[in-house]
C-alpha cells in the first residue's frame, strides 16, 4: 500500500516508517500539517496516518480540510490524548480509526491493513473526470475540452489546471502551487507561477466568454466561473 505518514516527532516517524516499509508498504513522510495537506490532495494514497498535534495545521483541521476537498482516503489518527471525548472528536472530524500513544507496532500495522482493505467511499469509484462550468478534464485520457472545444496543454499546464480545478472556489497561494506543481519547497524568487498562469489563461480563458482563473491580489488565484 501507499501510505502518507504525517508525524513531526522524528523518532516516532522513523520507527513507524521503518516498520511499514519492512512489511512492503510505500511510505511518504510529512513533518507538518501544511505539507501533509498538500500531499494528501496532490497524490493518491491508500491510507493516511495523522498525528493530532503537528505544527502549522493540526491533525483535526488537516483531516477536516481534506474531507471538505473530497479526499476519502482512510485516516488513522495517532495521539497521546486518550480520553473518550478526544477519540470521538477525531472520528467526528473525518478520521476512520484512532490509536493512542504509546502503542505496539503490531496493532498499528493491523489497523493500517484493515483500513487499506476498506473500499473507497466515493460512490463512483476512481475519479475519472474534473469539471468546472463548461471546462472538462478527462483524467484517463488526459484531455481537456471547454464548450466542446479541445484544448492542447503542455504537461506542466495540465498539472497546474488539475490542481486549480481540484481546489475550485478556494484561494490557492503561489506557495501551494510551487510545492504541488513544481515540487519546490522554497521560493525561487521568480515569476514562474504568474507566467504559467498567464499561458494557461491564453488557452482556457481568452478564447471564451467567461473567465475561470481569477487573481486574488497579494495572495494567489481562485478558480471558478
C-alpha atoms as a PDB file:
ATOM      1  CA  UNK A   1       0.000   0.000   0.000  1.00  0.00           C
ATOM      2  CA  UNK A   2       0.957   3.626  -0.451  1.00  0.00           C
ATOM      3  CA  UNK A   3       0.830   5.344   2.929  1.00  0.00           C
ATOM      4  CA  UNK A   4       1.123   9.011   3.900  1.00  0.00           C
ATOM      5  CA  UNK A   5       2.555   9.428   7.406  1.00  0.00           C
ATOM      6  CA  UNK A   6       2.146  12.890   8.954  1.00  0.00           C
ATOM      7  CA  UNK A   7       4.189  12.986  12.163  1.00  0.00           C
ATOM      8  CA  UNK A   8       6.543  15.700  13.452  1.00  0.00           C
ATOM      9  CA  UNK A   9       8.337  13.615  16.091  1.00  0.00           C
ATOM     10  CA  UNK A  10      11.390  12.251  14.247  1.00  0.00           C
ATOM     11  CA  UNK A  11      11.867   9.185  16.439  1.00  0.00           C
ATOM     12  CA  UNK A  12       8.233   8.111  16.177  1.00  0.00           C
ATOM     13  CA  UNK A  13       8.080   8.828  12.447  1.00  0.00           C
ATOM     14  CA  UNK A  14      11.235   6.844  11.692  1.00  0.00           C
ATOM     15  CA  UNK A  15      10.012   3.937  13.847  1.00  0.00           C
ATOM     16  CA  UNK A  16       6.657   3.735  12.054  1.00  0.00           C
ATOM     17  CA  UNK A  17       8.081   4.285   8.567  1.00  0.00           C
ATOM     18  CA  UNK A  18      10.779   1.629   9.028  1.00  0.00           C
ATOM     19  CA  UNK A  19       8.256  -0.918  10.277  1.00  0.00           C
ATOM     20  CA  UNK A  20       5.770  -0.300   7.475  1.00  0.00           C
ATOM     21  CA  UNK A  21       8.461  -0.370   4.806  1.00  0.00           C
ATOM     22  CA  UNK A  22       9.740  -3.668   6.188  1.00  0.00           C
ATOM     23  CA  UNK A  23       6.241  -5.033   5.548  1.00  0.00           C
ATOM     24  CA  UNK A  24       6.466  -3.937   1.922  1.00  0.00           C
ATOM     25  CA  UNK A  25       4.482  -0.698   2.072  1.00  0.00           C
ATOM     26  CA  UNK A  26       5.498   2.539   0.387  1.00  0.00           C
ATOM     27  CA  UNK A  27       5.663   5.359   2.942  1.00  0.00           C
ATOM     28  CA  UNK A  28       5.865   9.099   2.340  1.00  0.00           C
ATOM     29  CA  UNK A  29       6.599  11.261   5.365  1.00  0.00           C
ATOM     30  CA  UNK A  30       5.405  14.782   6.108  1.00  0.00           C
ATOM     31  CA  UNK A  31       6.696  16.637   9.173  1.00  0.00           C
ATOM     32  CA  UNK A  32       3.892  19.217   9.443  1.00  0.00           C
ATOM     33  CA  UNK A  33       0.223  19.625   8.676  1.00  0.00           C
ATOM     34  CA  UNK A  34       0.598  22.080   5.832  1.00  0.00           C
ATOM     35  CA  UNK A  35       2.905  19.825   3.844  1.00  0.00           C
ATOM     36  CA  UNK A  36       0.724  16.833   4.657  1.00  0.00           C
ATOM     37  CA  UNK A  37      -2.392  18.631   3.435  1.00  0.00           C
ATOM     38  CA  UNK A  38      -0.784  19.440   0.091  1.00  0.00           C
ATOM     39  CA  UNK A  39       0.497  15.896  -0.391  1.00  0.00           C
ATOM     40  CA  UNK A  40      -2.868  14.390   0.516  1.00  0.00           C
ATOM     41  CA  UNK A  41      -4.579  16.388  -2.221  1.00  0.00           C
ATOM     42  CA  UNK A  42      -1.842  16.113  -4.831  1.00  0.00           C
ATOM     43  CA  UNK A  43      -1.296  12.336  -4.689  1.00  0.00           C
ATOM     44  CA  UNK A  44      -3.343   9.184  -4.213  1.00  0.00           C
ATOM     45  CA  UNK A  45      -2.740   7.214  -1.009  1.00  0.00           C
ATOM     46  CA  UNK A  46      -4.318   4.048   0.332  1.00  0.00           C
ATOM     47  CA  UNK A  47      -4.087   5.130   3.986  1.00  0.00           C
ATOM     48  CA  UNK A  48      -3.071   8.256   5.908  1.00  0.00           C
ATOM     49  CA  UNK A  49      -1.594   8.110   9.425  1.00  0.00           C
ATOM     50  CA  UNK A  50      -2.016  11.503  11.080  1.00  0.00           C
ATOM     51  CA  UNK A  51      -0.681  12.671  14.434  1.00  0.00           C
ATOM     52  CA  UNK A  52      -3.102  15.071  16.125  1.00  0.00           C
ATOM     53  CA  UNK A  53      -0.518  17.525  17.432  1.00  0.00           C
ATOM     54  CA  UNK A  54       1.505  18.652  14.405  1.00  0.00           C
ATOM     55  CA  UNK A  55       2.765  22.151  13.540  1.00  0.00           C
ATOM     56  CA  UNK A  56       1.309  24.657  11.063  1.00  0.00           C
ATOM     57  CA  UNK A  57      -2.006  22.776  10.719  1.00  0.00           C
ATOM     58  CA  UNK A  58      -3.112  20.412  13.467  1.00  0.00           C
ATOM     59  CA  UNK A  59      -4.321  16.919  12.654  1.00  0.00           C
ATOM     60  CA  UNK A  60      -8.022  17.598  13.224  1.00  0.00           C
ATOM     61  CA  UNK A  61      -8.006  20.666  10.974  1.00  0.00           C
ATOM     62  CA  UNK A  62      -5.997  18.819   8.342  1.00  0.00           C
ATOM     63  CA  UNK A  63      -8.448  15.927   8.132  1.00  0.00           C
ATOM     64  CA  UNK A  64     -11.459  18.236   8.104  1.00  0.00           C
ATOM     65  CA  UNK A  65      -9.856  20.180   5.242  1.00  0.00           C
ATOM     66  CA  UNK A  66      -9.034  17.148   3.089  1.00  0.00           C
ATOM     67  CA  UNK A  67     -12.531  15.764   3.643  1.00  0.00           C
ATOM     68  CA  UNK A  68     -14.023  19.105   2.558  1.00  0.00           C
ATOM     69  CA  UNK A  69     -11.861  18.885  -0.573  1.00  0.00           C
ATOM     70  CA  UNK A  70     -13.369  15.491  -1.425  1.00  0.00           C
ATOM     71  CA  UNK A  71     -10.481  13.273  -0.297  1.00  0.00           C
ATOM     72  CA  UNK A  72     -11.833   9.953   1.034  1.00  0.00           C
ATOM     73  CA  UNK A  73      -8.515   8.259   1.914  1.00  0.00           C
ATOM     74  CA  UNK A  74      -8.916   6.298   5.182  1.00  0.00           C
ATOM     75  CA  UNK A  75      -7.288   8.091   8.128  1.00  0.00           C
ATOM     76  CA  UNK A  76      -5.767   6.598  11.270  1.00  0.00           C
ATOM     77  CA  UNK A  77      -5.244   9.202  13.999  1.00  0.00           C
ATOM     78  CA  UNK A  78      -2.311   8.882  16.400  1.00  0.00           C
ATOM     79  CA  UNK A  79      -2.472  10.787  19.670  1.00  0.00           C
ATOM     80  CA  UNK A  80      -1.370  10.805  23.283  1.00  0.00           C
ATOM     81  CA  UNK A  81      -4.838  12.177  24.078  1.00  0.00           C
ATOM     82  CA  UNK A  82      -6.756   9.068  25.102  1.00  0.00           C
ATOM     83  CA  UNK A  83      -9.974  10.421  26.619  1.00  0.00           C
ATOM     84  CA  UNK A  84     -13.234   9.251  25.093  1.00  0.00           C
ATOM     85  CA  UNK A  85     -14.067  12.830  24.096  1.00  0.00           C
ATOM     86  CA  UNK A  86     -10.746  13.116  22.234  1.00  0.00           C
ATOM     87  CA  UNK A  87     -11.324   9.872  20.331  1.00  0.00           C
ATOM     88  CA  UNK A  88     -14.853  10.925  19.433  1.00  0.00           C
ATOM     89  CA  UNK A  89     -13.582  14.317  18.251  1.00  0.00           C
ATOM     90  CA  UNK A  90     -11.080  12.607  15.969  1.00  0.00           C
ATOM     91  CA  UNK A  91     -13.690  10.350  14.409  1.00  0.00           C
ATOM     92  CA  UNK A  92     -16.215  13.169  14.008  1.00  0.00           C
ATOM     93  CA  UNK A  93     -13.610  15.297  12.213  1.00  0.00           C
ATOM     94  CA  UNK A  94     -13.318  12.648   9.498  1.00  0.00           C
ATOM     95  CA  UNK A  95     -10.951  10.049  10.941  1.00  0.00           C
ATOM     96  CA  UNK A  96     -11.666   6.354  10.422  1.00  0.00           C
ATOM     97  CA  UNK A  97      -9.709   4.966  13.374  1.00  0.00           C
ATOM     98  CA  UNK A  98      -7.913   6.290  16.457  1.00  0.00           C
ATOM     99  CA  UNK A  99      -4.812   4.808  18.128  1.00  0.00           C
ATOM    100  CA  UNK A 100      -3.410   6.238  21.352  1.00  0.00           C
ATOM    101  CA  UNK A 101       0.275   6.591  22.230  1.00  0.00           C
ATOM    102  CA  UNK A 102       2.220   4.652  23.335  1.00  0.00           C
ATOM    103  CA  UNK A 103       1.212   1.837  21.003  1.00  0.00           C
ATOM    104  CA  UNK A 104       2.509  -1.532  19.838  1.00  0.00           C
ATOM    105  CA  UNK A 105       3.623  -1.529  16.211  1.00  0.00           C
ATOM    106  CA  UNK A 106       1.770  -4.810  15.623  1.00  0.00           C
ATOM    107  CA  UNK A 107      -1.513  -3.083  16.499  1.00  0.00           C
ATOM    108  CA  UNK A 108      -0.749  -0.089  14.293  1.00  0.00           C
ATOM    109  CA  UNK A 109       0.086  -2.433  11.414  1.00  0.00           C
ATOM    110  CA  UNK A 110      -3.132  -4.379  11.891  1.00  0.00           C
ATOM    111  CA  UNK A 111      -5.220  -1.218  11.937  1.00  0.00           C
ATOM    112  CA  UNK A 112      -3.489   0.169   8.826  1.00  0.00           C
ATOM    113  CA  UNK A 113      -4.054  -3.076   6.933  1.00  0.00           C
ATOM    114  CA  UNK A 114      -7.713  -3.129   7.986  1.00  0.00           C
ATOM    115  CA  UNK A 115      -8.208   0.427   6.712  1.00  0.00           C
ATOM    116  CA  UNK A 116      -6.429  -0.432   3.473  1.00  0.00           C
ATOM    117  CA  UNK A 117      -8.936  -3.226   2.810  1.00  0.00           C
ATOM    118  CA  UNK A 118     -11.876  -0.849   3.002  1.00  0.00           C
ATOM    119  CA  UNK A 119     -13.458   0.063  -0.337  1.00  0.00           C
ATOM    120  CA  UNK A 120     -13.251   3.693  -1.431  1.00  0.00           C
ATOM    121  CA  UNK A 121     -16.218   5.749  -0.257  1.00  0.00           C
ATOM    122  CA  UNK A 122     -16.563   7.942  -3.334  1.00  0.00           C
ATOM    123  CA  UNK A 123     -19.697   6.111  -4.509  1.00  0.00           C
ATOM    124  CA  UNK A 124     -18.434   6.434  -8.064  1.00  0.00           C
ATOM    125  CA  UNK A 125     -15.164   4.527  -7.978  1.00  0.00           C
ATOM    126  CA  UNK A 126     -11.911   6.114  -9.036  1.00  0.00           C
ATOM    127  CA  UNK A 127     -12.061   9.772 -10.040  1.00  0.00           C
ATOM    128  CA  UNK A 128     -12.007   9.943 -13.832  1.00  0.00           C
ATOM    129  CA  UNK A 129     -13.146  13.484 -14.648  1.00  0.00           C
ATOM    130  CA  UNK A 130     -12.882  17.041 -13.394  1.00  0.00           C
ATOM    131  CA  UNK A 131     -15.410  19.690 -14.376  1.00  0.00           C
ATOM    132  CA  UNK A 132     -15.874  23.367 -13.586  1.00  0.00           C
ATOM    133  CA  UNK A 133     -18.548  25.195 -15.595  1.00  0.00           C
ATOM    134  CA  UNK A 134     -18.095  24.124 -19.254  1.00  0.00           C
ATOM    135  CA  UNK A 135     -14.449  23.092 -18.781  1.00  0.00           C
ATOM    136  CA  UNK A 136     -13.834  19.343 -18.549  1.00  0.00           C
ATOM    137  CA  UNK A 137     -10.716  17.252 -17.935  1.00  0.00           C
ATOM    138  CA  UNK A 138     -10.721  13.540 -18.752  1.00  0.00           C
ATOM    139  CA  UNK A 139      -8.180  12.160 -16.269  1.00  0.00           C
ATOM    140  CA  UNK A 140      -7.916   8.796 -18.008  1.00  0.00           C
ATOM    141  CA  UNK A 141      -7.180  10.185 -21.459  1.00  0.00           C
ATOM    142  CA  UNK A 142      -5.595  13.392 -20.088  1.00  0.00           C
ATOM    143  CA  UNK A 143      -7.622  15.507 -22.486  1.00  0.00           C
ATOM    144  CA  UNK A 144      -9.085  18.961 -21.878  1.00  0.00           C
ATOM    145  CA  UNK A 145     -12.158  20.487 -23.505  1.00  0.00           C
ATOM    146  CA  UNK A 146     -14.132  23.659 -22.985  1.00  0.00           C
ATOM    147  CA  UNK A 147     -17.567  24.153 -24.517  1.00  0.00           C
ATOM    148  CA  UNK A 148     -16.829  21.060 -26.582  1.00  0.00           C
ATOM    149  CA  UNK A 149     -13.605  22.514 -27.984  1.00  0.00           C
ATOM    150  CA  UNK A 150     -10.384  20.544 -27.484  1.00  0.00           C
ATOM    151  CA  UNK A 151      -7.558  22.424 -25.727  1.00  0.00           C
ATOM    152  CA  UNK A 152      -3.934  21.338 -26.108  1.00  0.00           C
ATOM    153  CA  UNK A 153      -1.896  21.774 -22.929  1.00  0.00           C
ATOM    154  CA  UNK A 154       1.750  21.151 -22.089  1.00  0.00           C
ATOM    155  CA  UNK A 155       2.363  18.683 -19.195  1.00  0.00           C
ATOM    156  CA  UNK A 156       3.045  21.463 -16.664  1.00  0.00           C
ATOM    157  CA  UNK A 157      -0.021  23.405 -17.797  1.00  0.00           C
ATOM    158  CA  UNK A 158      -2.134  20.259 -17.445  1.00  0.00           C
ATOM    159  CA  UNK A 159      -0.859  19.593 -13.925  1.00  0.00           C
ATOM    160  CA  UNK A 160      -1.471  23.221 -12.954  1.00  0.00           C
ATOM    161  CA  UNK A 161      -5.008  23.137 -14.337  1.00  0.00           C
ATOM    162  CA  UNK A 162      -5.892  19.923 -12.489  1.00  0.00           C
ATOM    163  CA  UNK A 163      -4.641  21.354  -9.201  1.00  0.00           C
ATOM    164  CA  UNK A 164      -6.664  24.556  -9.700  1.00  0.00           C
ATOM    165  CA  UNK A 165      -9.796  22.598 -10.595  1.00  0.00           C
ATOM    166  CA  UNK A 166      -9.471  20.310  -7.573  1.00  0.00           C
ATOM    167  CA  UNK A 167      -9.331  23.466  -5.429  1.00  0.00           C
ATOM    168  CA  UNK A 168     -12.082  25.373  -7.236  1.00  0.00           C
ATOM    169  CA  UNK A 169     -13.881  28.122  -5.318  1.00  0.00           C
ATOM    170  CA  UNK A 170     -10.955  28.427  -2.879  1.00  0.00           C
ATOM    171  CA  UNK A 171      -7.927  30.681  -2.824  1.00  0.00           C
ATOM    172  CA  UNK A 172      -4.746  28.901  -3.916  1.00  0.00           C
ATOM    173  CA  UNK A 173      -1.495  30.618  -2.940  1.00  0.00           C
ATOM    174  CA  UNK A 174       1.615  30.820  -5.096  1.00  0.00           C
ATOM    175  CA  UNK A 175       3.461  28.801  -2.444  1.00  0.00           C
ATOM    176  CA  UNK A 176       0.903  25.991  -2.722  1.00  0.00           C
ATOM    177  CA  UNK A 177       1.323  25.962  -6.494  1.00  0.00           C
ATOM    178  CA  UNK A 178       5.120  25.928  -6.287  1.00  0.00           C
ATOM    179  CA  UNK A 179       5.002  22.909  -3.992  1.00  0.00           C
ATOM    180  CA  UNK A 180       2.263  20.984  -5.800  1.00  0.00           C
ATOM    181  CA  UNK A 181       3.109  21.690  -9.444  1.00  0.00           C
ATOM    182  CA  UNK A 182       6.854  22.413  -9.399  1.00  0.00           C
ATOM    183  CA  UNK A 183       7.808  20.278  -6.358  1.00  0.00           C
ATOM    184  CA  UNK A 184       9.602  23.287  -4.841  1.00  0.00           C
ATOM    185  CA  UNK A 185       9.686  23.779  -1.078  1.00  0.00           C
ATOM    186  CA  UNK A 186      11.222  27.235  -1.351  1.00  0.00           C
ATOM    187  CA  UNK A 187      10.549  30.500  -3.157  1.00  0.00           C
ATOM    188  CA  UNK A 188      12.732  30.620  -6.303  1.00  0.00           C
ATOM    189  CA  UNK A 189      12.283  34.415  -6.418  1.00  0.00           C
ATOM    190  CA  UNK A 190      10.944  34.289  -9.967  1.00  0.00           C
ATOM    191  CA  UNK A 191       7.549  34.896 -11.562  1.00  0.00           C
ATOM    192  CA  UNK A 192       7.339  31.312 -12.849  1.00  0.00           C
ATOM    193  CA  UNK A 193       3.851  30.800 -11.375  1.00  0.00           C
ATOM    194  CA  UNK A 194       2.442  34.011 -12.829  1.00  0.00           C
ATOM    195  CA  UNK A 195       3.990  33.239 -16.211  1.00  0.00           C
ATOM    196  CA  UNK A 196       2.473  29.773 -16.330  1.00  0.00           C
ATOM    197  CA  UNK A 197      -0.910  31.087 -15.186  1.00  0.00           C
ATOM    198  CA  UNK A 198      -0.787  33.655 -17.987  1.00  0.00           C
ATOM    199  CA  UNK A 199      -0.103  30.929 -20.558  1.00  0.00           C
ATOM    200  CA  UNK A 200      -2.939  28.842 -19.184  1.00  0.00           C
ATOM    201  CA  UNK A 201      -5.311  31.797 -19.368  1.00  0.00           C
ATOM    202  CA  UNK A 202      -4.466  32.255 -23.041  1.00  0.00           C
ATOM    203  CA  UNK A 203      -5.746  28.751 -23.707  1.00  0.00           C
ATOM    204  CA  UNK A 204      -8.712  28.262 -21.389  1.00  0.00           C
ATOM    205  CA  UNK A 205      -9.962  31.814 -20.713  1.00  0.00           C
ATOM    206  CA  UNK A 206      -9.144  34.242 -23.533  1.00  0.00           C
ATOM    207  CA  UNK A 207     -10.975  32.370 -26.339  1.00  0.00           C
ATOM    208  CA  UNK A 208     -14.133  32.090 -24.244  1.00  0.00           C
ATOM    209  CA  UNK A 209     -16.668  34.497 -22.810  1.00  0.00           C
ATOM    210  CA  UNK A 210     -16.416  33.595 -19.122  1.00  0.00           C
ATOM    211  CA  UNK A 211     -13.029  33.661 -17.341  1.00  0.00           C
ATOM    212  CA  UNK A 212     -12.297  30.879 -14.846  1.00  0.00           C
ATOM    213  CA  UNK A 213      -8.918  31.913 -13.418  1.00  0.00           C
ATOM    214  CA  UNK A 214      -9.166  34.910 -11.094  1.00  0.00           C
ATOM    215  CA  UNK A 215      -6.279  36.759  -9.434  1.00  0.00           C
ATOM    216  CA  UNK A 216      -6.512  37.369  -5.692  1.00  0.00           C
ATOM    217  CA  UNK A 217      -4.133  40.285  -5.231  1.00  0.00           C
ATOM    218  CA  UNK A 218      -1.244  39.675  -2.879  1.00  0.00           C
ATOM    219  CA  UNK A 219      -2.281  36.067  -2.266  1.00  0.00           C
ATOM    220  CA  UNK A 220      -2.670  33.909  -5.365  1.00  0.00           C
ATOM    221  CA  UNK A 221      -5.554  32.689  -7.504  1.00  0.00           C
ATOM    222  CA  UNK A 222      -9.073  31.346  -7.380  1.00  0.00           C
ATOM    223  CA  UNK A 223     -10.663  29.075  -9.986  1.00  0.00           C
ATOM    224  CA  UNK A 224     -14.402  29.477 -10.576  1.00  0.00           C
ATOM    225  CA  UNK A 225     -16.994  30.568 -13.111  1.00  0.00           C
END
